Amino acid sequence: MLGREWATRGLHQGDLTALAAIARGARKDEQDRLERLAQRGFVKMKAGDSLPRVTLLGRLAIIVRKLTRR
């Protein structure tokens, strides 16, 4: 439970799902969602790149989400 609380703190519903989709390269999301994920350190935007990159911390959040799914 503690892991899920860490992974979802400060995020809105669907943010971790969007993070998983970004990791798969499936889509580019809304700017406000990307900003929330970037503030938590889950994604990094590179200048000149149109797609965000999922960080190691973001990948860990995806794993925690999968392991603690109800």
PDB file of N, CA and C in Angstrom:
ATOM      1  N   MET A   1       0.812  -1.195   0.000  1.00  0.00           N
ATOM      2  CA  MET A   1       0.000   0.000   0.000  1.00  0.00           C
ATOM      3  C   MET A   1       0.853   1.256   0.000  1.00  0.00           C
ATOM      4  N   LEU A   2       1.949   1.243   0.738  1.00  0.00           N
ATOM      5  CA  LEU A   2       2.801   2.415   0.820  1.00  0.00           C
ATOM      6  C   LEU A   2       3.361   2.777  -0.557  1.00  0.00           C
ATOM      7  N   GLY A   3       3.705   1.765  -1.337  1.00  0.00           N
ATOM      8  CA  GLY A   3       4.234   2.002  -2.673  1.00  0.00           C
ATOM      9  C   GLY A   3       3.222   2.670  -3.570  1.00  0.00           C
ATOM     10  N   ARG A   4       1.988   2.238  -3.486  1.00  0.00           N
ATOM     11  CA  ARG A   4       0.943   2.846  -4.317  1.00  0.00           C
ATOM     12  C   ARG A   4       0.703   4.291  -3.912  1.00  0.00           C
ATOM     13  N   GLU A   5       0.728   4.570  -2.618  1.00  0.00           N
ATOM     14  CA  GLU A   5       0.551   5.948  -2.155  1.00  0.00           C
ATOM     15  C   GLU A   5       1.682   6.829  -2.676  1.00  0.00           C
ATOM     16  N   TRP A   6       2.909   6.314  -2.666  1.00  0.00           N
ATOM     17  CA  TRP A   6       4.040   7.067  -3.188  1.00  0.00           C
ATOM     18  C   TRP A   6       3.855   7.339  -4.680  1.00  0.00           C
ATOM     19  N   ALA A   7       3.463   6.318  -5.425  1.00  0.00           N
ATOM     20  CA  ALA A   7       3.356   6.441  -6.876  1.00  0.00           C
ATOM     21  C   ALA A   7       2.237   7.383  -7.296  1.00  0.00           C
ATOM     22  N   THR A   8       1.182   7.482  -6.507  1.00  0.00           N
ATOM     23  CA  THR A   8       0.025   8.289  -6.911  1.00  0.00           C
ATOM     24  C   THR A   8      -0.046   9.649  -6.233  1.00  0.00           C
ATOM     25  N   ARG A   9       0.846   9.939  -5.308  1.00  0.00           N
ATOM     26  CA  ARG A   9       0.805  11.212  -4.578  1.00  0.00           C
ATOM     27  C   ARG A   9       0.929  12.393  -5.549  1.00  0.00           C
ATOM     28  N   GLY A  10      -0.036  13.291  -5.479  1.00  0.00           N
ATOM     29  CA  GLY A  10      -0.002  14.506  -6.287  1.00  0.00           C
ATOM     30  C   GLY A  10      -0.436  14.326  -7.725  1.00  0.00           C
ATOM     31  N   LEU A  11      -0.868  13.139  -8.086  1.00  0.00           N
ATOM     32  CA  LEU A  11      -1.296  12.895  -9.460  1.00  0.00           C
ATOM     33  C   LEU A  11      -2.816  12.799  -9.534  1.00  0.00           C
ATOM     34  N   HIS A  12      -3.341  13.000 -10.713  1.00  0.00           N
ATOM     35  CA  HIS A  12      -4.775  12.864 -10.939  1.00  0.00           C
ATOM     36  C   HIS A  12      -5.066  11.490 -11.524  1.00  0.00           C
ATOM     37  N   GLN A  13      -6.339  11.128 -11.518  1.00  0.00           N
ATOM     38  CA  GLN A  13      -6.739   9.836 -12.066  1.00  0.00           C
ATOM     39  C   GLN A  13      -6.313   9.748 -13.528  1.00  0.00           C
ATOM     40  N   GLY A  14      -5.694   8.669 -13.886  1.00  0.00           N
ATOM     41  CA  GLY A  14      -5.271   8.442 -15.264  1.00  0.00           C
ATOM     42  C   GLY A  14      -3.840   8.843 -15.560  1.00  0.00           C
ATOM     43  N   ASP A  15      -3.178   9.532 -14.638  1.00  0.00           N
ATOM     44  CA  ASP A  15      -1.806   9.972 -14.892  1.00  0.00           C
ATOM     45  C   ASP A  15      -0.842   8.798 -15.017  1.00  0.00           C
ATOM     46  N   LEU A  16      -0.972   7.795 -14.152  1.00  0.00           N
ATOM     47  CA  LEU A  16      -0.065   6.642 -14.251  1.00  0.00           C
ATOM     48  C   LEU A  16      -0.371   5.793 -15.484  1.00  0.00           C
ATOM     49  N   THR A  17      -1.628   5.751 -15.878  1.00  0.00           N
ATOM     50  CA  THR A  17      -1.980   5.060 -17.115  1.00  0.00           C
ATOM     51  C   THR A  17      -1.349   5.778 -18.303  1.00  0.00           C
ATOM     52  N   ALA A  18      -1.400   7.098 -18.272  1.00  0.00           N
ATOM     53  CA  ALA A  18      -0.769   7.889 -19.330  1.00  0.00           C
ATOM     54  C   ALA A  18       0.740   7.685 -19.323  1.00  0.00           C
ATOM     55  N   LEU A  19       1.334   7.582 -18.137  1.00  0.00           N
ATOM     56  CA  LEU A  19       2.764   7.334 -18.019  1.00  0.00           C
ATOM     57  C   LEU A  19       3.139   6.007 -18.670  1.00  0.00           C
ATOM     58  N   ALA A  20       2.345   4.990 -18.422  1.00  0.00           N
ATOM     59  CA  ALA A  20       2.598   3.683 -19.034  1.00  0.00           C
ATOM     60  C   ALA A  20       2.475   3.761 -20.553  1.00  0.00           C
ATOM     61  N   ALA A  21       1.511   4.528 -21.039  1.00  0.00           N
ATOM     62  CA  ALA A  21       1.336   4.693 -22.486  1.00  0.00           C
ATOM     63  C   ALA A  21       2.519   5.445 -23.094  1.00  0.00           C
ATOM     64  N   ILE A  22       3.007   6.452 -22.393  1.00  0.00           N
ATOM     65  CA  ILE A  22       4.175   7.195 -22.870  1.00  0.00           C
ATOM     66  C   ILE A  22       5.385   6.270 -22.932  1.00  0.00           C
ATOM     67  N   ALA A  23       5.540   5.409 -21.933  1.00  0.00           N
ATOM     68  CA  ALA A  23       6.660   4.466 -21.900  1.00  0.00           C
ATOM     69  C   ALA A  23       6.616   3.516 -23.097  1.00  0.00           C
ATOM     70  N   ARG A  24       5.413   3.158 -23.527  1.00  0.00           N
ATOM     71  CA  ARG A  24       5.258   2.285 -24.696  1.00  0.00           C
ATOM     72  C   ARG A  24       5.380   3.054 -26.001  1.00  0.00           C
ATOM     73  N   GLY A  25       5.397   4.398 -25.913  1.00  0.00           N
ATOM     74  CA  GLY A  25       5.452   5.214 -27.124  1.00  0.00           C
ATOM     75  C   GLY A  25       4.111   5.327 -27.799  1.00  0.00           C
ATOM     76  N   ALA A  26       3.047   5.058 -27.042  1.00  0.00           N
ATOM     77  CA  ALA A  26       1.718   4.990 -27.632  1.00  0.00           C
ATOM     78  C   ALA A  26       1.089   6.351 -27.917  1.00  0.00           C
ATOM     79  N   ARG A  27       1.420   7.368 -27.101  1.00  0.00           N
ATOM     80  CA  ARG A  27       0.763   8.652 -27.320  1.00  0.00           C
ATOM     81  C   ARG A  27       1.502   9.785 -26.628  1.00  0.00           C
ATOM     82  N   LYS A  28       1.182  10.960 -27.090  1.00  0.00           N
ATOM     83  CA  LYS A  28       1.637  12.172 -26.427  1.00  0.00           C
ATOM     84  C   LYS A  28       0.423  12.728 -25.702  1.00  0.00           C
ATOM     85  N   ASP A  29       0.595  13.120 -24.456  1.00  0.00           N
ATOM     86  CA  ASP A  29      -0.552  13.508 -23.632  1.00  0.00           C
ATOM     87  C   ASP A  29      -0.685  15.012 -23.504  1.00  0.00           C
ATOM     88  N   GLU A  30      -1.732  15.430 -22.801  1.00  0.00           N
ATOM     89  CA  GLU A  30      -1.990  16.837 -22.585  1.00  0.00           C
ATOM     90  C   GLU A  30      -0.844  17.474 -21.805  1.00  0.00           C
ATOM     91  N   GLN A  31      -0.652  18.753 -22.017  1.00  0.00           N
ATOM     92  CA  GLN A  31       0.457  19.463 -21.390  1.00  0.00           C
ATOM     93  C   GLN A  31       0.373  19.464 -19.865  1.00  0.00           C
ATOM     94  N   ASP A  32      -0.828  19.660 -19.301  1.00  0.00           N
ATOM     95  CA  ASP A  32      -0.944  19.697 -17.838  1.00  0.00           C
ATOM     96  C   ASP A  32      -0.595  18.352 -17.212  1.00  0.00           C
ATOM     97  N   ARG A  33      -0.963  17.284 -17.872  1.00  0.00           N
ATOM     98  CA  ARG A  33      -0.624  15.941 -17.380  1.00  0.00           C
ATOM     99  C   ARG A  33       0.889  15.723 -17.439  1.00  0.00           C
ATOM    100  N   LEU A  34       1.495  16.139 -18.534  1.00  0.00           N
ATOM    101  CA  LEU A  34       2.945  15.997 -18.668  1.00  0.00           C
ATOM    102  C   LEU A  34       3.670  16.824 -17.613  1.00  0.00           C
ATOM    103  N   GLU A  35       3.147  18.001 -17.307  1.00  0.00           N
ATOM    104  CA  GLU A  35       3.769  18.843 -16.281  1.00  0.00           C
ATOM    105  C   GLU A  35       3.699  18.181 -14.906  1.00  0.00           C
ATOM    106  N   ARG A  36       2.543  17.560 -14.572  1.00  0.00           N
ATOM    107  CA  ARG A  36       2.426  16.851 -13.284  1.00  0.00           C
ATOM    108  C   ARG A  36       3.425  15.712 -13.207  1.00  0.00           C
ATOM    109  N   LEU A  37       3.530  14.946 -14.287  1.00  0.00           N
ATOM    110  CA  LEU A  37       4.456  13.819 -14.311  1.00  0.00           C
ATOM    111  C   LEU A  37       5.903  14.304 -14.245  1.00  0.00           C
ATOM    112  N   ALA A  38       6.191  15.417 -14.887  1.00  0.00           N
ATOM    113  CA  ALA A  38       7.545  15.974 -14.860  1.00  0.00           C
ATOM    114  C   ALA A  38       7.882  16.519 -13.473  1.00  0.00           C
ATOM    115  N   GLN A  39       6.918  17.128 -12.796  1.00  0.00           N
ATOM    116  CA  GLN A  39       7.156  17.638 -11.443  1.00  0.00           C
ATOM    117  C   GLN A  39       7.517  16.515 -10.482  1.00  0.00           C
ATOM    118  N   ARG A  40       6.925  15.352 -10.665  1.00  0.00           N
ATOM    119  CA  ARG A  40       7.242  14.205  -9.820  1.00  0.00           C
ATOM    120  C   ARG A  40       8.526  13.508 -10.262  1.00  0.00           C
ATOM    121  N   GLY A  41       9.075  13.891 -11.428  1.00  0.00           N
ATOM    122  CA  GLY A  41      10.304  13.284 -11.918  1.00  0.00           C
ATOM    123  C   GLY A  41      10.072  12.005 -12.701  1.00  0.00           C
ATOM    124  N   PHE A  42       8.822  11.774 -13.118  1.00  0.00           N
ATOM    125  CA  PHE A  42       8.490  10.554 -13.849  1.00  0.00           C
ATOM    126  C   PHE A  42       8.785  10.662 -15.344  1.00  0.00           C
ATOM    127  N   VAL A  43       8.756  11.875 -15.887  1.00  0.00           N
ATOM    128  CA  VAL A  43       9.100  12.097 -17.298  1.00  0.00           C
ATOM    129  C   VAL A  43      10.041  13.278 -17.386  1.00  0.00           C
ATOM    130  N   LYS A  44      10.762  13.329 -18.481  1.00  0.00           N
ATOM    131  CA  LYS A  44      11.676  14.432 -18.745  1.00  0.00           C
ATOM    132  C   LYS A  44      11.441  14.885 -20.177  1.00  0.00           C
ATOM    133  N   MET A  45      11.231  16.184 -20.320  1.00  0.00           N
ATOM    134  CA  MET A  45      11.064  16.759 -21.648  1.00  0.00           C
ATOM    135  C   MET A  45      12.422  17.275 -22.108  1.00  0.00           C
ATOM    136  N   LYS A  46      12.796  16.920 -23.309  1.00  0.00           N
ATOM    137  CA  LYS A  46      14.059  17.362 -23.867  1.00  0.00           C
ATOM    138  C   LYS A  46      13.769  18.456 -24.896  1.00  0.00           C
ATOM    139  N   ALA A  47      14.540  19.513 -24.866  1.00  0.00           N
ATOM    140  CA  ALA A  47      14.335  20.623 -25.800  1.00  0.00           C
ATOM    141  C   ALA A  47      14.422  20.115 -27.238  1.00  0.00           C
ATOM    142  N   GLY A  48      13.445  20.485 -28.026  1.00  0.00           N
ATOM    143  CA  GLY A  48      13.418  20.075 -29.424  1.00  0.00           C
ATOM    144  C   GLY A  48      12.772  18.725 -29.668  1.00  0.00           C
ATOM    145  N   ASP A  49      12.559  17.964 -28.612  1.00  0.00           N
ATOM    146  CA  ASP A  49      11.899  16.664 -28.734  1.00  0.00           C
ATOM    147  C   ASP A  49      10.399  16.843 -28.542  1.00  0.00           C
ATOM    148  N   SER A  50       9.618  16.214 -29.372  1.00  0.00           N
ATOM    149  CA  SER A  50       8.171  16.339 -29.218  1.00  0.00           C
ATOM    150  C   SER A  50       7.615  15.310 -28.223  1.00  0.00           C
ATOM    151  N   LEU A  51       8.338  14.222 -28.018  1.00  0.00           N
ATOM    152  CA  LEU A  51       7.873  13.188 -27.098  1.00  0.00           C
ATOM    153  C   LEU A  51       8.662  13.222 -25.791  1.00  0.00           C
ATOM    154  N   PRO A  52       7.964  13.076 -24.664  1.00  0.00           N
ATOM    155  CA  PRO A  52       8.669  13.034 -23.374  1.00  0.00           C
ATOM    156  C   PRO A  52       9.359  11.687 -23.192  1.00  0.00           C
ATOM    157  N   ARG A  53      10.366  11.672 -22.332  1.00  0.00           N
ATOM    158  CA  ARG A  53      11.059  10.428 -22.008  1.00  0.00           C
ATOM    159  C   ARG A  53      10.694  10.031 -20.585  1.00  0.00           C
ATOM    160  N   VAL A  54      10.402   8.758 -20.393  1.00  0.00           N
ATOM    161  CA  VAL A  54      10.089   8.244 -19.068  1.00  0.00           C
ATOM    162  C   VAL A  54      11.406   7.980 -18.350  1.00  0.00           C
ATOM    163  N   THR A  55      11.530   8.509 -17.141  1.00  0.00           N
ATOM    164  CA  THR A  55      12.754   8.346 -16.352  1.00  0.00           C
ATOM    165  C   THR A  55      12.737   7.001 -15.627  1.00  0.00           C
ATOM    166  N   LEU A  56      13.853   6.679 -15.008  1.00  0.00           N
ATOM    167  CA  LEU A  56      13.939   5.458 -14.213  1.00  0.00           C
ATOM    168  C   LEU A  56      12.917   5.491 -13.074  1.00  0.00           C
ATOM    169  N   LEU A  57      12.754   6.658 -12.472  1.00  0.00           N
ATOM    170  CA  LEU A  57      11.756   6.824 -11.407  1.00  0.00           C
ATOM    171  C   LEU A  57      10.343   6.583 -11.953  1.00  0.00           C
ATOM    172  N   GLY A  58      10.083   7.037 -13.170  1.00  0.00           N
ATOM    173  CA  GLY A  58       8.788   6.801 -13.802  1.00  0.00           C
ATOM    174  C   GLY A  58       8.542   5.326 -14.063  1.00  0.00           C
ATOM    175  N   ARG A  59       9.570   4.637 -14.501  1.00  0.00           N
ATOM    176  CA  ARG A  59       9.435   3.187 -14.735  1.00  0.00           C
ATOM    177  C   ARG A  59       9.186   2.442 -13.422  1.00  0.00           C
ATOM    178  N   LEU A  60       9.833   2.900 -12.353  1.00  0.00           N
ATOM    179  CA  LEU A  60       9.592   2.309 -11.041  1.00  0.00           C
ATOM    180  C   LEU A  60       8.141   2.534 -10.612  1.00  0.00           C
ATOM    181  N   ALA A  61       7.600   3.710 -10.863  1.00  0.00           N
ATOM    182  CA  ALA A  61       6.195   4.000 -10.531  1.00  0.00           C
ATOM    183  C   ALA A  61       5.256   3.082 -11.305  1.00  0.00           C
ATOM    184  N   ILE A  62       5.572   2.796 -12.558  1.00  0.00           N
ATOM    185  CA  ILE A  62       4.752   1.884 -13.370  1.00  0.00           C
ATOM    186  C   ILE A  62       4.776   0.483 -12.758  1.00  0.00           C
ATOM    187  N   ILE A  63       5.947   0.023 -12.350  1.00  0.00           N
ATOM    188  CA  ILE A  63       6.082  -1.307 -11.738  1.00  0.00           C
ATOM    189  C   ILE A  63       5.303  -1.364 -10.439  1.00  0.00           C
ATOM    190  N   VAL A  64       5.442  -0.344  -9.596  1.00  0.00           N
ATOM    191  CA  VAL A  64       4.710  -0.312  -8.316  1.00  0.00           C
ATOM    192  C   VAL A  64       3.227  -0.346  -8.584  1.00  0.00           C
ATOM    193  N   ARG A  65       2.764   0.410  -9.578  1.00  0.00           N
ATOM    194  CA  ARG A  65       1.342   0.429  -9.913  1.00  0.00           C
ATOM    195  C   ARG A  65       0.851  -0.960 -10.312  1.00  0.00           C
ATOM    196  N   LYS A  66       1.639  -1.655 -11.136  1.00  0.00           N
ATOM    197  CA  LYS A  66       1.250  -3.002 -11.565  1.00  0.00           C
ATOM    198  C   LYS A  66       1.216  -3.985 -10.408  1.00  0.00           C
ATOM    199  N   LEU A  67       2.180  -3.884  -9.507  1.00  0.00           N
ATOM    200  CA  LEU A  67       2.267  -4.820  -8.390  1.00  0.00           C
ATOM    201  C   LEU A  67       1.189  -4.577  -7.329  1.00  0.00           C
ATOM    202  N   THR A  68       0.708  -3.356  -7.230  1.00  0.00           N
ATOM    203  CA  THR A  68      -0.259  -3.033  -6.178  1.00  0.00           C
ATOM    204  C   THR A  68      -1.667  -2.850  -6.715  1.00  0.00           C
ATOM    205  N   ARG A  69      -1.880  -3.193  -7.946  1.00  0.00           N
ATOM    206  CA  ARG A  69      -3.200  -3.049  -8.561  1.00  0.00           C
ATOM    207  C   ARG A  69      -4.197  -3.932  -7.823  1.00  0.00           C
ATOM    208  N   ARG A  70      -5.346  -3.382  -7.559  1.00  0.00           N
ATOM    209  CA  ARG A  70      -6.385  -4.122  -6.813  1.00  0.00           C
ATOM    210  C   ARG A  70      -7.257  -4.910  -7.720  1.00  0.00           C
TER     211      ARG A  70
END
